[in-house]
Amino acid sequence: MSVYSDVLNIETKGESDIIDITENIQKSINKSNIRNGIICVFIPGSTGSITTIEYEPGLKEDFPKALNRIAPKNIDYEHHNTWHDDNGRSHIKASLMGPSLNLPVSDGKLIHGSWQQLVFIEFDTQPRKRKIVVKIVGE
């Protein structure tokens, strides 16, 4: 059994930026030389999320709109009173979506559906530099 660690560095445009990281994750798998196992992709921080989506223009617009109905911009959040910032909704969206995914690796390939891409979603209200942590366990 082997364990491989990697870090992906990305820059976001701020709130609702959705970045396809599928190819970057496959590159990490290639570097690991692990053929079969599990990959964990994790974002440290409380205003971003890792998930899967069909990465196409319509859903890139629909997805943030759906989340904005759950945690809208123009309501009062106690978080703003505590920290005097404007990203209470960002924390809520990220908590609902989650910070990580575990996915299978088979024959050196990330297993995902034809129309399913692995993405990072930025919920913070301003551009950010992010480090995505990758751990691969297998043989």
C-alpha atoms as a PDB file:
ATOM      1  CA  MET A   1       0.000   0.000   0.000  1.00  0.00           C
ATOM      2  CA  SER A   2       1.331   3.432  -0.975  1.00  0.00           C
ATOM      3  CA  VAL A   3       0.322   6.954  -0.013  1.00  0.00           C
ATOM      4  CA  TYR A   4       0.951   9.945  -2.254  1.00  0.00           C
ATOM      5  CA  SER A   5       0.394  13.623  -1.369  1.00  0.00           C
ATOM      6  CA  ASP A   6       0.104  16.611  -3.662  1.00  0.00           C
ATOM      7  CA  VAL A   7      -1.061  20.228  -3.518  1.00  0.00           C
ATOM      8  CA  LEU A   8      -2.767  22.083  -6.348  1.00  0.00           C
ATOM      9  CA  ASN A   9      -2.515  25.879  -6.398  1.00  0.00           C
ATOM     10  CA  ILE A  10      -5.359  27.799  -8.019  1.00  0.00           C
ATOM     11  CA  GLU A  11      -6.495  31.406  -8.162  1.00  0.00           C
ATOM     12  CA  THR A  12     -10.181  32.273  -8.148  1.00  0.00           C
ATOM     13  CA  LYS A  13     -12.146  35.271  -9.346  1.00  0.00           C
ATOM     14  CA  GLY A  14     -14.239  35.326  -6.176  1.00  0.00           C
ATOM     15  CA  GLU A  15     -17.803  34.404  -5.339  1.00  0.00           C
ATOM     16  CA  SER A  16     -19.391  31.718  -7.540  1.00  0.00           C
ATOM     17  CA  ASP A  17     -16.225  31.006  -9.540  1.00  0.00           C
ATOM     18  CA  ILE A  18     -16.352  27.342 -10.585  1.00  0.00           C
ATOM     19  CA  ILE A  19     -13.043  25.832 -11.659  1.00  0.00           C
ATOM     20  CA  ASP A  20     -12.734  22.455 -13.386  1.00  0.00           C
ATOM     21  CA  ILE A  21      -9.882  20.596 -11.645  1.00  0.00           C
ATOM     22  CA  THR A  22     -10.481  17.172 -13.226  1.00  0.00           C
ATOM     23  CA  GLU A  23      -7.381  17.289 -15.427  1.00  0.00           C
ATOM     24  CA  ASN A  24      -5.197  18.543 -12.555  1.00  0.00           C
ATOM     25  CA  ILE A  25      -6.404  15.675 -10.360  1.00  0.00           C
ATOM     26  CA  GLN A  26      -5.604  13.158 -13.112  1.00  0.00           C
ATOM     27  CA  LYS A  27      -2.079  14.646 -13.342  1.00  0.00           C
ATOM     28  CA  SER A  28      -1.653  14.055  -9.602  1.00  0.00           C
ATOM     29  CA  ILE A  29      -2.733  10.439 -10.074  1.00  0.00           C
ATOM     30  CA  ASN A  30      -0.227  10.064 -12.931  1.00  0.00           C
ATOM     31  CA  LYS A  31       2.599  11.437 -10.761  1.00  0.00           C
ATOM     32  CA  SER A  32       1.674   9.113  -7.907  1.00  0.00           C
ATOM     33  CA  ASN A  33       2.212   5.893  -9.882  1.00  0.00           C
ATOM     34  CA  ILE A  34      -0.735   4.466  -7.928  1.00  0.00           C
ATOM     35  CA  ARG A  35      -2.862   2.357 -10.270  1.00  0.00           C
ATOM     36  CA  ASN A  36      -5.750   1.347  -7.995  1.00  0.00           C
ATOM     37  CA  GLY A  37      -7.024   3.022  -4.859  1.00  0.00           C
ATOM     38  CA  ILE A  38      -8.851   6.033  -3.492  1.00  0.00           C
ATOM     39  CA  ILE A  39      -8.137   9.714  -3.947  1.00  0.00           C
ATOM     40  CA  CYS A  40      -9.234  12.336  -1.430  1.00  0.00           C
ATOM     41  CA  VAL A  41      -9.451  15.923  -2.682  1.00  0.00           C
ATOM     42  CA  PHE A  42      -9.782  18.489   0.128  1.00  0.00           C
ATOM     43  CA  ILE A  43      -9.932  22.273   0.350  1.00  0.00           C
ATOM     44  CA  PRO A  44      -8.647  23.750   3.614  1.00  0.00           C
ATOM     45  CA  GLY A  45     -10.773  26.737   4.515  1.00  0.00           C
ATOM     46  CA  SER A  46     -14.408  27.421   5.250  1.00  0.00           C
ATOM     47  CA  THR A  47     -15.542  29.332   2.150  1.00  0.00           C
ATOM     48  CA  GLY A  48     -14.798  26.900  -0.674  1.00  0.00           C
ATOM     49  CA  SER A  49     -16.033  23.503  -1.757  1.00  0.00           C
ATOM     50  CA  ILE A  50     -15.082  20.453  -3.818  1.00  0.00           C
ATOM     51  CA  THR A  51     -17.871  18.696  -5.733  1.00  0.00           C
ATOM     52  CA  THR A  52     -18.793  17.233  -9.101  1.00  0.00           C
ATOM     53  CA  ILE A  53     -20.915  18.868 -11.768  1.00  0.00           C
ATOM     54  CA  GLU A  54     -21.443  18.768 -15.497  1.00  0.00           C
ATOM     55  CA  TYR A  55     -19.079  21.631 -16.284  1.00  0.00           C
ATOM     56  CA  GLU A  56     -21.053  23.438 -18.987  1.00  0.00           C
ATOM     57  CA  PRO A  57     -22.136  27.082 -19.350  1.00  0.00           C
ATOM     58  CA  GLY A  58     -25.781  26.581 -18.330  1.00  0.00           C
ATOM     59  CA  LEU A  59     -25.008  24.758 -15.084  1.00  0.00           C
ATOM     60  CA  LYS A  60     -22.155  27.165 -14.317  1.00  0.00           C
ATOM     61  CA  GLU A  61     -24.882  29.828 -14.144  1.00  0.00           C
ATOM     62  CA  ASP A  62     -27.699  27.699 -12.672  1.00  0.00           C
ATOM     63  CA  PHE A  63     -25.714  26.256  -9.773  1.00  0.00           C
ATOM     64  CA  PRO A  64     -24.762  29.580  -8.112  1.00  0.00           C
ATOM     65  CA  LYS A  65     -28.328  30.866  -8.617  1.00  0.00           C
ATOM     66  CA  ALA A  66     -29.724  27.802  -6.834  1.00  0.00           C
ATOM     67  CA  LEU A  67     -27.343  28.250  -3.903  1.00  0.00           C
ATOM     68  CA  ASN A  68     -28.169  31.967  -3.749  1.00  0.00           C
ATOM     69  CA  ARG A  69     -31.797  31.020  -3.123  1.00  0.00           C
ATOM     70  CA  ILE A  70     -30.648  28.974  -0.116  1.00  0.00           C
ATOM     71  CA  ALA A  71     -28.200  31.565   1.295  1.00  0.00           C
ATOM     72  CA  PRO A  72     -28.966  34.934  -0.350  1.00  0.00           C
ATOM     73  CA  LYS A  73     -26.715  37.971  -0.315  1.00  0.00           C
ATOM     74  CA  ASN A  74     -29.101  40.597   1.000  1.00  0.00           C
ATOM     75  CA  ILE A  75     -30.123  39.203   4.377  1.00  0.00           C
ATOM     76  CA  ASP A  76     -28.640  39.717   7.828  1.00  0.00           C
ATOM     77  CA  TYR A  77     -26.080  37.142   8.998  1.00  0.00           C
ATOM     78  CA  GLU A  78     -24.800  37.116  12.589  1.00  0.00           C
ATOM     79  CA  HIS A  79     -21.382  36.209  11.179  1.00  0.00           C
ATOM     80  CA  HIS A  80     -21.154  39.757   9.797  1.00  0.00           C
ATOM     81  CA  ASN A  81     -21.702  41.181  13.277  1.00  0.00           C
ATOM     82  CA  THR A  82     -19.008  38.917  14.734  1.00  0.00           C
ATOM     83  CA  TRP A  83     -16.277  39.481  12.134  1.00  0.00           C
ATOM     84  CA  HIS A  84     -17.453  42.721  10.432  1.00  0.00           C
ATOM     85  CA  ASP A  85     -17.226  41.185   6.983  1.00  0.00           C
ATOM     86  CA  ASP A  86     -19.761  40.231   4.330  1.00  0.00           C
ATOM     87  CA  ASN A  87     -19.280  36.507   3.761  1.00  0.00           C
ATOM     88  CA  GLY A  88     -21.729  34.814   6.127  1.00  0.00           C
ATOM     89  CA  ARG A  89     -23.500  33.331   3.110  1.00  0.00           C
ATOM     90  CA  SER A  90     -20.154  32.040   1.831  1.00  0.00           C
ATOM     91  CA  HIS A  91     -19.621  29.965   4.974  1.00  0.00           C
ATOM     92  CA  ILE A  92     -23.142  28.547   4.818  1.00  0.00           C
ATOM     93  CA  LYS A  93     -22.848  27.519   1.148  1.00  0.00           C
ATOM     94  CA  ALA A  94     -19.445  25.906   1.723  1.00  0.00           C
ATOM     95  CA  SER A  95     -20.716  24.017   4.779  1.00  0.00           C
ATOM     96  CA  LEU A  96     -23.691  22.672   2.840  1.00  0.00           C
ATOM     97  CA  MET A  97     -21.527  21.582  -0.096  1.00  0.00           C
ATOM     98  CA  GLY A  98     -18.609  20.176   1.913  1.00  0.00           C
ATOM     99  CA  PRO A  99     -14.832  20.543   1.681  1.00  0.00           C
ATOM    100  CA  SER A 100     -13.851  17.203   0.145  1.00  0.00           C
ATOM    101  CA  LEU A 101     -14.605  14.226  -2.053  1.00  0.00           C
ATOM    102  CA  ASN A 102     -13.244  10.680  -2.098  1.00  0.00           C
ATOM    103  CA  LEU A 103     -13.166   9.093  -5.529  1.00  0.00           C
ATOM    104  CA  PRO A 104     -12.000   5.755  -6.924  1.00  0.00           C
ATOM    105  CA  VAL A 105      -8.865   5.312  -8.998  1.00  0.00           C
ATOM    106  CA  SER A 106      -8.787   2.314 -11.321  1.00  0.00           C
ATOM    107  CA  ASP A 107      -6.009   1.394 -13.762  1.00  0.00           C
ATOM    108  CA  GLY A 108      -4.389   4.778 -13.073  1.00  0.00           C
ATOM    109  CA  LYS A 109      -7.505   6.739 -14.021  1.00  0.00           C
ATOM    110  CA  LEU A 110      -9.869   8.874 -11.962  1.00  0.00           C
ATOM    111  CA  ILE A 111     -13.288   7.254 -12.125  1.00  0.00           C
ATOM    112  CA  HIS A 112     -16.071   9.693 -13.014  1.00  0.00           C
ATOM    113  CA  GLY A 113     -19.007   9.861 -15.395  1.00  0.00           C
ATOM    114  CA  SER A 114     -18.774  11.089 -18.978  1.00  0.00           C
ATOM    115  CA  TRP A 115     -20.472  14.370 -18.108  1.00  0.00           C
ATOM    116  CA  GLN A 116     -19.152  14.612 -14.553  1.00  0.00           C
ATOM    117  CA  GLN A 117     -16.212  16.855 -13.772  1.00  0.00           C
ATOM    118  CA  LEU A 118     -14.501  17.488 -10.457  1.00  0.00           C
ATOM    119  CA  VAL A 119     -14.703  21.176  -9.558  1.00  0.00           C
ATOM    120  CA  PHE A 120     -13.683  23.692  -6.931  1.00  0.00           C
ATOM    121  CA  ILE A 121     -16.328  26.309  -6.132  1.00  0.00           C
ATOM    122  CA  GLU A 122     -15.306  29.606  -4.575  1.00  0.00           C
ATOM    123  CA  PHE A 123     -17.894  31.049  -2.216  1.00  0.00           C
ATOM    124  CA  ASP A 124     -15.824  33.837  -0.660  1.00  0.00           C
ATOM    125  CA  THR A 125     -16.756  37.340  -1.749  1.00  0.00           C
ATOM    126  CA  GLN A 126     -13.340  38.205  -3.172  1.00  0.00           C
ATOM    127  CA  PRO A 127     -10.651  36.542  -5.311  1.00  0.00           C
ATOM    128  CA  ARG A 128      -8.522  34.031  -3.433  1.00  0.00           C
ATOM    129  CA  LYS A 129      -5.389  31.954  -3.832  1.00  0.00           C
ATOM    130  CA  ARG A 130      -6.273  28.399  -2.847  1.00  0.00           C
ATOM    131  CA  LYS A 131      -4.318  25.266  -2.090  1.00  0.00           C
ATOM    132  CA  ILE A 132      -6.176  22.031  -2.785  1.00  0.00           C
ATOM    133  CA  VAL A 133      -4.805  19.049  -0.879  1.00  0.00           C
ATOM    134  CA  VAL A 134      -4.707  15.689  -2.664  1.00  0.00           C
ATOM    135  CA  LYS A 135      -4.082  12.321  -0.952  1.00  0.00           C
ATOM    136  CA  ILE A 136      -4.008   9.075  -2.880  1.00  0.00           C
ATOM    137  CA  VAL A 137      -3.941   5.697  -1.123  1.00  0.00           C
ATOM    138  CA  GLY A 138      -3.559   2.473  -3.053  1.00  0.00           C
ATOM    139  CA  GLU A 139      -1.208   0.275  -4.963  1.00  0.00           C
END
